[in-house]
């Protein structure tokens, strides 16, 4: 899955200019934020029929749609973790 459009390529120099700078931090945050949409697109890419049907290419999941989808997934994930922590603290 990492080979498809380098979706899970995490390095200190994210923009590839040879220098680690503040702009690399923003790109790293964006890369982490889009993990849920990149996972879905990566799994869909494993099936060529689905890739063709949904017209998946390297830009799929990297825009507003992917950001909104990732927002929902992160919101649900953090909600589940918060519920789990609250339940664990309540049982002490």
PDB file of N, CA and C in Angstrom:
ATOM      1  N   UNK A   1       0.814  -1.192   0.000  1.00  0.00           N
ATOM      2  CA  UNK A   1       0.000   0.000   0.000  1.00  0.00           C
ATOM      3  C   UNK A   1       0.863   1.263   0.000  1.00  0.00           C
ATOM      4  N   UNK A   2       2.072   1.176   0.564  1.00  0.00           N
ATOM      5  CA  UNK A   2       2.942   2.350   0.620  1.00  0.00           C
ATOM      6  C   UNK A   2       3.395   2.775  -0.775  1.00  0.00           C
ATOM      7  N   UNK A   3       3.436   1.845  -1.708  1.00  0.00           N
ATOM      8  CA  UNK A   3       3.921   2.166  -3.039  1.00  0.00           C
ATOM      9  C   UNK A   3       2.929   2.997  -3.839  1.00  0.00           C
ATOM     10  N   UNK A   4       1.653   2.943  -3.486  1.00  0.00           N
ATOM     11  CA  UNK A   4       0.643   3.657  -4.250  1.00  0.00           C
ATOM     12  C   UNK A   4       0.669   5.135  -3.890  1.00  0.00           C
ATOM     13  N   UNK A   5       1.241   5.933  -4.728  1.00  0.00           N
ATOM     14  CA  UNK A   5       1.297   7.396  -4.605  1.00  0.00           C
ATOM     15  C   UNK A   5       2.017   7.868  -3.347  1.00  0.00           C
ATOM     16  N   UNK A   6       2.813   7.033  -2.745  1.00  0.00           N
ATOM     17  CA  UNK A   6       3.590   7.393  -1.544  1.00  0.00           C
ATOM     18  C   UNK A   6       2.702   7.985  -0.453  1.00  0.00           C
ATOM     19  N   UNK A   7       1.565   7.361  -0.202  1.00  0.00           N
ATOM     20  CA  UNK A   7       0.604   7.875   0.769  1.00  0.00           C
ATOM     21  C   UNK A   7       1.094   7.772   2.203  1.00  0.00           C
ATOM     22  N   UNK A   8       1.945   6.823   2.502  1.00  0.00           N
ATOM     23  CA  UNK A   8       2.412   6.633   3.877  1.00  0.00           C
ATOM     24  C   UNK A   8       3.910   6.833   3.949  1.00  0.00           C
ATOM     25  N   UNK A   9       4.368   7.913   3.359  1.00  0.00           N
ATOM     26  CA  UNK A   9       5.793   8.247   3.312  1.00  0.00           C
ATOM     27  C   UNK A   9       6.060   9.339   4.340  1.00  0.00           C
ATOM     28  N   UNK A  10       6.541   8.935   5.520  1.00  0.00           N
ATOM     29  CA  UNK A  10       6.817   9.876   6.602  1.00  0.00           C
ATOM     30  C   UNK A  10       8.324  10.043   6.739  1.00  0.00           C
ATOM     31  N   UNK A  11       8.827  11.235   6.442  1.00  0.00           N
ATOM     32  CA  UNK A  11      10.247  11.569   6.586  1.00  0.00           C
ATOM     33  C   UNK A  11      10.337  12.983   7.163  1.00  0.00           C
ATOM     34  N   UNK A  12      11.467  13.330   7.790  1.00  0.00           N
ATOM     35  CA  UNK A  12      11.590  14.687   8.327  1.00  0.00           C
ATOM     36  C   UNK A  12      11.483  15.773   7.253  1.00  0.00           C
ATOM     37  N   UNK A  13      12.029  15.518   6.070  1.00  0.00           N
ATOM     38  CA  UNK A  13      11.991  16.501   4.980  1.00  0.00           C
ATOM     39  C   UNK A  13      10.832  16.141   4.052  1.00  0.00           C
ATOM     40  N   UNK A  14       9.612  16.531   4.441  1.00  0.00           N
ATOM     41  CA  UNK A  14       8.412  16.115   3.710  1.00  0.00           C
ATOM     42  C   UNK A  14       8.312  16.720   2.314  1.00  0.00           C
ATOM     43  N   UNK A  15       8.802  17.945   2.112  1.00  0.00           N
ATOM     44  CA  UNK A  15       8.669  18.551   0.789  1.00  0.00           C
ATOM     45  C   UNK A  15       9.863  18.265  -0.114  1.00  0.00           C
ATOM     46  N   UNK A  16      10.872  17.582   0.388  1.00  0.00           N
ATOM     47  CA  UNK A  16      11.981  17.124  -0.443  1.00  0.00           C
ATOM     48  C   UNK A  16      12.925  18.208  -0.918  1.00  0.00           C
ATOM     49  N   UNK A  17      13.000  19.327  -0.200  1.00  0.00           N
ATOM     50  CA  UNK A  17      13.895  20.393  -0.643  1.00  0.00           C
ATOM     51  C   UNK A  17      15.298  20.283  -0.047  1.00  0.00           C
ATOM     52  N   UNK A  18      15.542  19.233   0.745  1.00  0.00           N
ATOM     53  CA  UNK A  18      16.868  19.013   1.307  1.00  0.00           C
ATOM     54  C   UNK A  18      17.096  19.680   2.647  1.00  0.00           C
ATOM     55  N   UNK A  19      16.101  20.414   3.161  1.00  0.00           N
ATOM     56  CA  UNK A  19      16.221  21.123   4.429  1.00  0.00           C
ATOM     57  C   UNK A  19      14.968  20.831   5.250  1.00  0.00           C
ATOM     58  N   UNK A  20      15.151  20.555   6.543  1.00  0.00           N
ATOM     59  CA  UNK A  20      14.010  20.391   7.433  1.00  0.00           C
ATOM     60  C   UNK A  20      13.620  21.774   7.939  1.00  0.00           C
ATOM     61  N   UNK A  21      12.390  22.194   7.636  1.00  0.00           N
ATOM     62  CA  UNK A  21      11.941  23.534   8.000  1.00  0.00           C
ATOM     63  C   UNK A  21      10.520  23.471   8.546  1.00  0.00           C
ATOM     64  N   UNK A  22       9.985  24.630   8.883  1.00  0.00           N
ATOM     65  CA  UNK A  22       8.644  24.706   9.452  1.00  0.00           C
ATOM     66  C   UNK A  22       7.579  24.243   8.452  1.00  0.00           C
ATOM     67  N   UNK A  23       7.817  24.398   7.179  1.00  0.00           N
ATOM     68  CA  UNK A  23       6.837  23.938   6.184  1.00  0.00           C
ATOM     69  C   UNK A  23       6.726  22.412   6.183  1.00  0.00           C
ATOM     70  N   UNK A  24       7.790  21.729   6.585  1.00  0.00           N
ATOM     71  CA  UNK A  24       7.731  20.267   6.690  1.00  0.00           C
ATOM     72  C   UNK A  24       6.807  19.828   7.819  1.00  0.00           C
ATOM     73  N   UNK A  25       6.723  20.625   8.881  1.00  0.00           N
ATOM     74  CA  UNK A  25       5.830  20.306   9.995  1.00  0.00           C
ATOM     75  C   UNK A  25       4.375  20.342   9.531  1.00  0.00           C
ATOM     76  N   UNK A  26       4.013  21.365   8.773  1.00  0.00           N
ATOM     77  CA  UNK A  26       2.650  21.451   8.249  1.00  0.00           C
ATOM     78  C   UNK A  26       2.303  20.281   7.341  1.00  0.00           C
ATOM     79  N   UNK A  27       3.241  19.885   6.514  1.00  0.00           N
ATOM     80  CA  UNK A  27       3.000  18.748   5.620  1.00  0.00           C
ATOM     81  C   UNK A  27       2.896  17.441   6.402  1.00  0.00           C
ATOM     82  N   UNK A  28       3.677  17.319   7.472  1.00  0.00           N
ATOM     83  CA  UNK A  28       3.608  16.125   8.309  1.00  0.00           C
ATOM     84  C   UNK A  28       2.269  16.054   9.042  1.00  0.00           C
ATOM     85  N   UNK A  29       1.789  17.196   9.547  1.00  0.00           N
ATOM     86  CA  UNK A  29       0.481  17.235  10.212  1.00  0.00           C
ATOM     87  C   UNK A  29      -0.620  16.863   9.217  1.00  0.00           C
ATOM     88  N   UNK A  30      -0.533  17.386   8.003  1.00  0.00           N
ATOM     89  CA  UNK A  30      -1.517  17.045   6.965  1.00  0.00           C
ATOM     90  C   UNK A  30      -1.479  15.554   6.654  1.00  0.00           C
ATOM     91  N   UNK A  31      -0.290  14.985   6.566  1.00  0.00           N
ATOM     92  CA  UNK A  31      -0.142  13.559   6.268  1.00  0.00           C
ATOM     93  C   UNK A  31      -0.773  12.714   7.380  1.00  0.00           C
ATOM     94  N   UNK A  32      -0.541  13.109   8.632  1.00  0.00           N
ATOM     95  CA  UNK A  32      -1.125  12.375   9.754  1.00  0.00           C
ATOM     96  C   UNK A  32      -2.643  12.555   9.769  1.00  0.00           C
ATOM     97  N   UNK A  33      -3.115  13.776   9.509  1.00  0.00           N
ATOM     98  CA  UNK A  33      -4.553  14.054   9.500  1.00  0.00           C
ATOM     99  C   UNK A  33      -5.280  13.195   8.472  1.00  0.00           C
ATOM    100  N   UNK A  34      -4.653  12.954   7.314  1.00  0.00           N
ATOM    101  CA  UNK A  34      -5.305  12.233   6.216  1.00  0.00           C
ATOM    102  C   UNK A  34      -5.106  10.718   6.274  1.00  0.00           C
ATOM    103  N   UNK A  35      -4.561  10.196   7.365  1.00  0.00           N
ATOM    104  CA  UNK A  35      -4.359   8.746   7.466  1.00  0.00           C
ATOM    105  C   UNK A  35      -5.648   7.963   7.226  1.00  0.00           C
ATOM    106  N   UNK A  36      -6.794   8.320   7.829  1.00  0.00           N
ATOM    107  CA  UNK A  36      -8.006   7.528   7.569  1.00  0.00           C
ATOM    108  C   UNK A  36      -8.409   7.480   6.095  1.00  0.00           C
ATOM    109  N   UNK A  37      -8.409   8.621   5.423  1.00  0.00           N
ATOM    110  CA  UNK A  37      -8.800   8.604   4.003  1.00  0.00           C
ATOM    111  C   UNK A  37      -7.762   7.867   3.165  1.00  0.00           C
ATOM    112  N   UNK A  38      -6.488   7.991   3.510  1.00  0.00           N
ATOM    113  CA  UNK A  38      -5.455   7.272   2.771  1.00  0.00           C
ATOM    114  C   UNK A  38      -5.570   5.762   2.965  1.00  0.00           C
ATOM    115  N   UNK A  39      -5.960   5.326   4.164  1.00  0.00           N
ATOM    116  CA  UNK A  39      -6.158   3.895   4.389  1.00  0.00           C
ATOM    117  C   UNK A  39      -7.299   3.352   3.534  1.00  0.00           C
ATOM    118  N   UNK A  40      -8.409   4.074   3.494  1.00  0.00           N
ATOM    119  CA  UNK A  40      -9.551   3.622   2.693  1.00  0.00           C
ATOM    120  C   UNK A  40      -9.178   3.560   1.209  1.00  0.00           C
ATOM    121  N   UNK A  41      -8.530   4.603   0.712  1.00  0.00           N
ATOM    122  CA  UNK A  41      -8.131   4.620  -0.702  1.00  0.00           C
ATOM    123  C   UNK A  41      -7.105   3.526  -0.979  1.00  0.00           C
ATOM    124  N   UNK A  42      -6.207   3.301  -0.042  1.00  0.00           N
ATOM    125  CA  UNK A  42      -5.217   2.233  -0.215  1.00  0.00           C
ATOM    126  C   UNK A  42      -5.856   0.861  -0.287  1.00  0.00           C
ATOM    127  N   UNK A  43      -6.848   0.611   0.574  1.00  0.00           N
ATOM    128  CA  UNK A  43      -7.539  -0.671   0.532  1.00  0.00           C
ATOM    129  C   UNK A  43      -8.366  -0.816  -0.746  1.00  0.00           C
ATOM    130  N   UNK A  44      -9.005   0.256  -1.184  1.00  0.00           N
ATOM    131  CA  UNK A  44      -9.757   0.192  -2.437  1.00  0.00           C
ATOM    132  C   UNK A  44      -8.840  -0.028  -3.628  1.00  0.00           C
ATOM    133  N   UNK A  45      -7.621   0.485  -3.545  1.00  0.00           N
ATOM    134  CA  UNK A  45      -6.680   0.337  -4.654  1.00  0.00           C
ATOM    135  C   UNK A  45      -6.237  -1.108  -4.842  1.00  0.00           C
ATOM    136  N   UNK A  46      -6.376  -1.917  -3.818  1.00  0.00           N
ATOM    137  CA  UNK A  46      -5.983  -3.328  -3.920  1.00  0.00           C
ATOM    138  C   UNK A  46      -6.880  -4.095  -4.899  1.00  0.00           C
ATOM    139  N   UNK A  47      -8.070  -3.606  -5.162  1.00  0.00           N
ATOM    140  CA  UNK A  47      -9.004  -4.250  -6.073  1.00  0.00           C
ATOM    141  C   UNK A  47      -9.132  -3.396  -7.331  1.00  0.00           C
ATOM    142  N   UNK A  48      -8.593  -3.858  -8.468  1.00  0.00           N
ATOM    143  CA  UNK A  48      -8.618  -3.041  -9.692  1.00  0.00           C
ATOM    144  C   UNK A  48     -10.026  -2.670 -10.167  1.00  0.00           C
ATOM    145  N   UNK A  49     -11.009  -3.541  -9.930  1.00  0.00           N
ATOM    146  CA  UNK A  49     -12.377  -3.214 -10.353  1.00  0.00           C
ATOM    147  C   UNK A  49     -12.919  -2.027  -9.546  1.00  0.00           C
ATOM    148  N   UNK A  50     -12.652  -2.026  -8.238  1.00  0.00           N
ATOM    149  CA  UNK A  50     -13.106  -0.902  -7.411  1.00  0.00           C
ATOM    150  C   UNK A  50     -12.365   0.376  -7.766  1.00  0.00           C
ATOM    151  N   UNK A  51     -11.082   0.253  -8.064  1.00  0.00           N
ATOM    152  CA  UNK A  51     -10.295   1.418  -8.455  1.00  0.00           C
ATOM    153  C   UNK A  51     -10.865   2.056  -9.715  1.00  0.00           C
ATOM    154  N   UNK A  52     -11.240   1.239 -10.672  1.00  0.00           N
ATOM    155  CA  UNK A  52     -11.816   1.747 -11.913  1.00  0.00           C
ATOM    156  C   UNK A  52     -13.216   2.315 -11.675  1.00  0.00           C
ATOM    157  N   UNK A  53     -14.026   1.598 -10.899  1.00  0.00           N
ATOM    158  CA  UNK A  53     -15.402   2.036 -10.669  1.00  0.00           C
ATOM    159  C   UNK A  53     -15.441   3.383  -9.942  1.00  0.00           C
ATOM    160  N   UNK A  54     -14.630   3.535  -8.888  1.00  0.00           N
ATOM    161  CA  UNK A  54     -14.624   4.773  -8.115  1.00  0.00           C
ATOM    162  C   UNK A  54     -13.667   5.827  -8.663  1.00  0.00           C
ATOM    163  N   UNK A  55     -13.010   5.513  -9.781  1.00  0.00           N
ATOM    164  CA  UNK A  55     -12.074   6.427 -10.455  1.00  0.00           C
ATOM    165  C   UNK A  55     -11.011   6.953  -9.485  1.00  0.00           C
ATOM    166  N   UNK A  56     -10.356   6.026  -8.797  1.00  0.00           N
ATOM    167  CA  UNK A  56      -9.343   6.374  -7.806  1.00  0.00           C
ATOM    168  C   UNK A  56      -8.023   6.644  -8.503  1.00  0.00           C
ATOM    169  N   UNK A  57      -7.422   7.789  -8.162  1.00  0.00           N
ATOM    170  CA  UNK A  57      -6.080   8.104  -8.640  1.00  0.00           C
ATOM    171  C   UNK A  57      -5.278   8.667  -7.467  1.00  0.00           C
ATOM    172  N   UNK A  58      -4.112   9.219  -7.733  1.00  0.00           N
ATOM    173  CA  UNK A  58      -3.237   9.685  -6.653  1.00  0.00           C
ATOM    174  C   UNK A  58      -3.796  10.877  -5.885  1.00  0.00           C
ATOM    175  N   UNK A  59      -4.723  11.623  -6.466  1.00  0.00           N
ATOM    176  CA  UNK A  59      -5.276  12.776  -5.748  1.00  0.00           C
ATOM    177  C   UNK A  59      -6.502  12.419  -4.915  1.00  0.00           C
ATOM    178  N   UNK A  60      -7.009  11.202  -5.033  1.00  0.00           N
ATOM    179  CA  UNK A  60      -8.199  10.793  -4.295  1.00  0.00           C
ATOM    180  C   UNK A  60      -7.903  10.752  -2.795  1.00  0.00           C
ATOM    181  N   UNK A  61      -8.729  11.417  -2.014  1.00  0.00           N
ATOM    182  CA  UNK A  61      -8.586  11.418  -0.568  1.00  0.00           C
ATOM    183  C   UNK A  61      -7.611  12.449  -0.042  1.00  0.00           C
ATOM    184  N   UNK A  62      -7.067  13.303  -0.903  1.00  0.00           N
ATOM    185  CA  UNK A  62      -6.078  14.289  -0.479  1.00  0.00           C
ATOM    186  C   UNK A  62      -6.655  15.700  -0.402  1.00  0.00           C
ATOM    187  N   UNK A  63      -7.945  15.858  -0.648  1.00  0.00           N
ATOM    188  CA  UNK A  63      -8.547  17.183  -0.717  1.00  0.00           C
ATOM    189  C   UNK A  63      -9.561  17.357   0.419  1.00  0.00           C
ATOM    190  N   UNK A  64     -10.543  18.227   0.200  1.00  0.00           N
ATOM    191  CA  UNK A  64     -11.540  18.518   1.223  1.00  0.00           C
ATOM    192  C   UNK A  64     -12.350  17.284   1.601  1.00  0.00           C
ATOM    193  N   UNK A  65     -12.682  16.464   0.628  1.00  0.00           N
ATOM    194  CA  UNK A  65     -13.445  15.256   0.925  1.00  0.00           C
ATOM    195  C   UNK A  65     -12.694  14.319   1.848  1.00  0.00           C
ATOM    196  N   UNK A  66     -11.419  14.124   1.569  1.00  0.00           N
ATOM    197  CA  UNK A  66     -10.597  13.288   2.437  1.00  0.00           C
ATOM    198  C   UNK A  66     -10.423  13.899   3.812  1.00  0.00           C
ATOM    199  N   UNK A  67     -10.314  15.222   3.876  1.00  0.00           N
ATOM    200  CA  UNK A  67     -10.164  15.902   5.166  1.00  0.00           C
ATOM    201  C   UNK A  67     -11.434  15.778   5.998  1.00  0.00           C
ATOM    202  N   UNK A  68     -12.593  15.922   5.370  1.00  0.00           N
ATOM    203  CA  UNK A  68     -13.860  15.801   6.098  1.00  0.00           C
ATOM    204  C   UNK A  68     -14.073  14.368   6.559  1.00  0.00           C
ATOM    205  N   UNK A  69     -13.789  13.404   5.678  1.00  0.00           N
ATOM    206  CA  UNK A  69     -13.896  11.996   6.061  1.00  0.00           C
ATOM    207  C   UNK A  69     -12.966  11.706   7.239  1.00  0.00           C
ATOM    208  N   UNK A  70     -11.732  12.196   7.160  1.00  0.00           N
ATOM    209  CA  UNK A  70     -10.773  11.979   8.239  1.00  0.00           C
ATOM    210  C   UNK A  70     -11.234  12.639   9.532  1.00  0.00           C
ATOM    211  N   UNK A  71     -11.869  13.817   9.422  1.00  0.00           N
ATOM    212  CA  UNK A  71     -12.397  14.489  10.605  1.00  0.00           C
ATOM    213  C   UNK A  71     -13.403  13.596  11.325  1.00  0.00           C
ATOM    214  N   UNK A  72     -14.332  13.008  10.582  1.00  0.00           N
ATOM    215  CA  UNK A  72     -15.316  12.121  11.191  1.00  0.00           C
ATOM    216  C   UNK A  72     -14.655  10.906  11.830  1.00  0.00           C
ATOM    217  N   UNK A  73     -13.700  10.311  11.128  1.00  0.00           N
ATOM    218  CA  UNK A  73     -13.030   9.125  11.669  1.00  0.00           C
ATOM    219  C   UNK A  73     -12.243   9.472  12.924  1.00  0.00           C
ATOM    220  N   UNK A  74     -11.487  10.583  12.904  1.00  0.00           N
ATOM    221  CA  UNK A  74     -10.735  10.982  14.094  1.00  0.00           C
ATOM    222  C   UNK A  74     -11.689  11.321  15.242  1.00  0.00           C
ATOM    223  N   UNK A  75     -12.815  11.980  14.945  1.00  0.00           N
ATOM    224  CA  UNK A  75     -13.790  12.327  15.971  1.00  0.00           C
ATOM    225  C   UNK A  75     -14.336  11.067  16.644  1.00  0.00           C
ATOM    226  N   UNK A  76     -14.700  10.079  15.847  1.00  0.00           N
ATOM    227  CA  UNK A  76     -15.204   8.813  16.383  1.00  0.00           C
ATOM    228  C   UNK A  76     -14.117   8.102  17.178  1.00  0.00           C
ATOM    229  N   UNK A  77     -12.891   8.091  16.646  1.00  0.00           N
ATOM    230  CA  UNK A  77     -11.775   7.424  17.328  1.00  0.00           C
ATOM    231  C   UNK A  77     -11.504   8.071  18.684  1.00  0.00           C
ATOM    232  N   UNK A  78     -11.402   9.392  18.714  1.00  0.00           N
ATOM    233  CA  UNK A  78     -11.149  10.078  19.983  1.00  0.00           C
ATOM    234  C   UNK A  78     -12.324   9.923  20.944  1.00  0.00           C
ATOM    235  N   UNK A  79     -13.539   9.880  20.428  1.00  0.00           N
ATOM    236  CA  UNK A  79     -14.698   9.645  21.279  1.00  0.00           C
ATOM    237  C   UNK A  79     -14.665   8.274  21.928  1.00  0.00           C
ATOM    238  N   UNK A  80     -14.299   7.259  21.155  1.00  0.00           N
ATOM    239  CA  UNK A  80     -14.194   5.904  21.694  1.00  0.00           C
ATOM    240  C   UNK A  80     -13.093   5.833  22.743  1.00  0.00           C
ATOM    241  N   UNK A  81     -11.952   6.451  22.462  1.00  0.00           N
ATOM    242  CA  UNK A  81     -10.843   6.442  23.422  1.00  0.00           C
ATOM    243  C   UNK A  81     -11.239   7.182  24.698  1.00  0.00           C
ATOM    244  N   UNK A  82     -11.907   8.330  24.568  1.00  0.00           N
ATOM    245  CA  UNK A  82     -12.348   9.081  25.746  1.00  0.00           C
ATOM    246  C   UNK A  82     -13.350   8.275  26.565  1.00  0.00           C
ATOM    247  N   UNK A  83     -14.270   7.596  25.899  1.00  0.00           N
ATOM    248  CA  UNK A  83     -15.241   6.756  26.594  1.00  0.00           C
ATOM    249  C   UNK A  83     -14.535   5.623  27.325  1.00  0.00           C
ATOM    250  N   UNK A  84     -13.558   5.017  26.670  1.00  0.00           N
ATOM    251  CA  UNK A  84     -12.797   3.914  27.266  1.00  0.00           C
ATOM    252  C   UNK A  84     -12.020   4.393  28.494  1.00  0.00           C
ATOM    253  N   UNK A  85     -11.394   5.563  28.395  1.00  0.00           N
ATOM    254  CA  UNK A  85     -10.644   6.099  29.530  1.00  0.00           C
ATOM    255  C   UNK A  85     -11.582   6.451  30.677  1.00  0.00           C
ATOM    256  N   UNK A  86     -12.722   7.064  30.366  1.00  0.00           N
ATOM    257  CA  UNK A  86     -13.698   7.401  31.404  1.00  0.00           C
ATOM    258  C   UNK A  86     -14.218   6.149  32.097  1.00  0.00           C
ATOM    259  N   UNK A  87     -14.483   5.101  31.330  1.00  0.00           N
ATOM    260  CA  UNK A  87     -14.952   3.852  31.918  1.00  0.00           C
ATOM    261  C   UNK A  87     -13.869   3.210  32.783  1.00  0.00           C
ATOM    262  N   UNK A  88     -12.615   3.294  32.355  1.00  0.00           N
ATOM    263  CA  UNK A  88     -11.533   2.717  33.140  1.00  0.00           C
ATOM    264  C   UNK A  88     -11.343   3.491  34.447  1.00  0.00           C
ATOM    265  N   UNK A  89     -11.465   4.806  34.405  1.00  0.00           N
ATOM    266  CA  UNK A  89     -11.323   5.606  35.618  1.00  0.00           C
ATOM    267  C   UNK A  89     -12.493   5.404  36.566  1.00  0.00           C
ATOM    268  N   UNK A  90     -13.666   5.144  36.015  1.00  0.00           N
ATOM    269  CA  UNK A  90     -14.858   4.931  36.826  1.00  0.00           C
ATOM    270  C   UNK A  90     -14.783   3.609  37.578  1.00  0.00           C
ATOM    271  N   UNK A  91     -14.102   2.620  37.015  1.00  0.00           N
ATOM    272  CA  UNK A  91     -14.007   1.295  37.635  1.00  0.00           C
ATOM    273  C   UNK A  91     -12.928   1.215  38.701  1.00  0.00           C
ATOM    274  N   UNK A  92     -12.154   2.254  38.877  1.00  0.00           N
ATOM    275  CA  UNK A  92     -11.082   2.207  39.892  1.00  0.00           C
ATOM    276  C   UNK A  92     -11.610   2.370  41.272  1.00  0.00           C
TER     277      UNK A  92
END
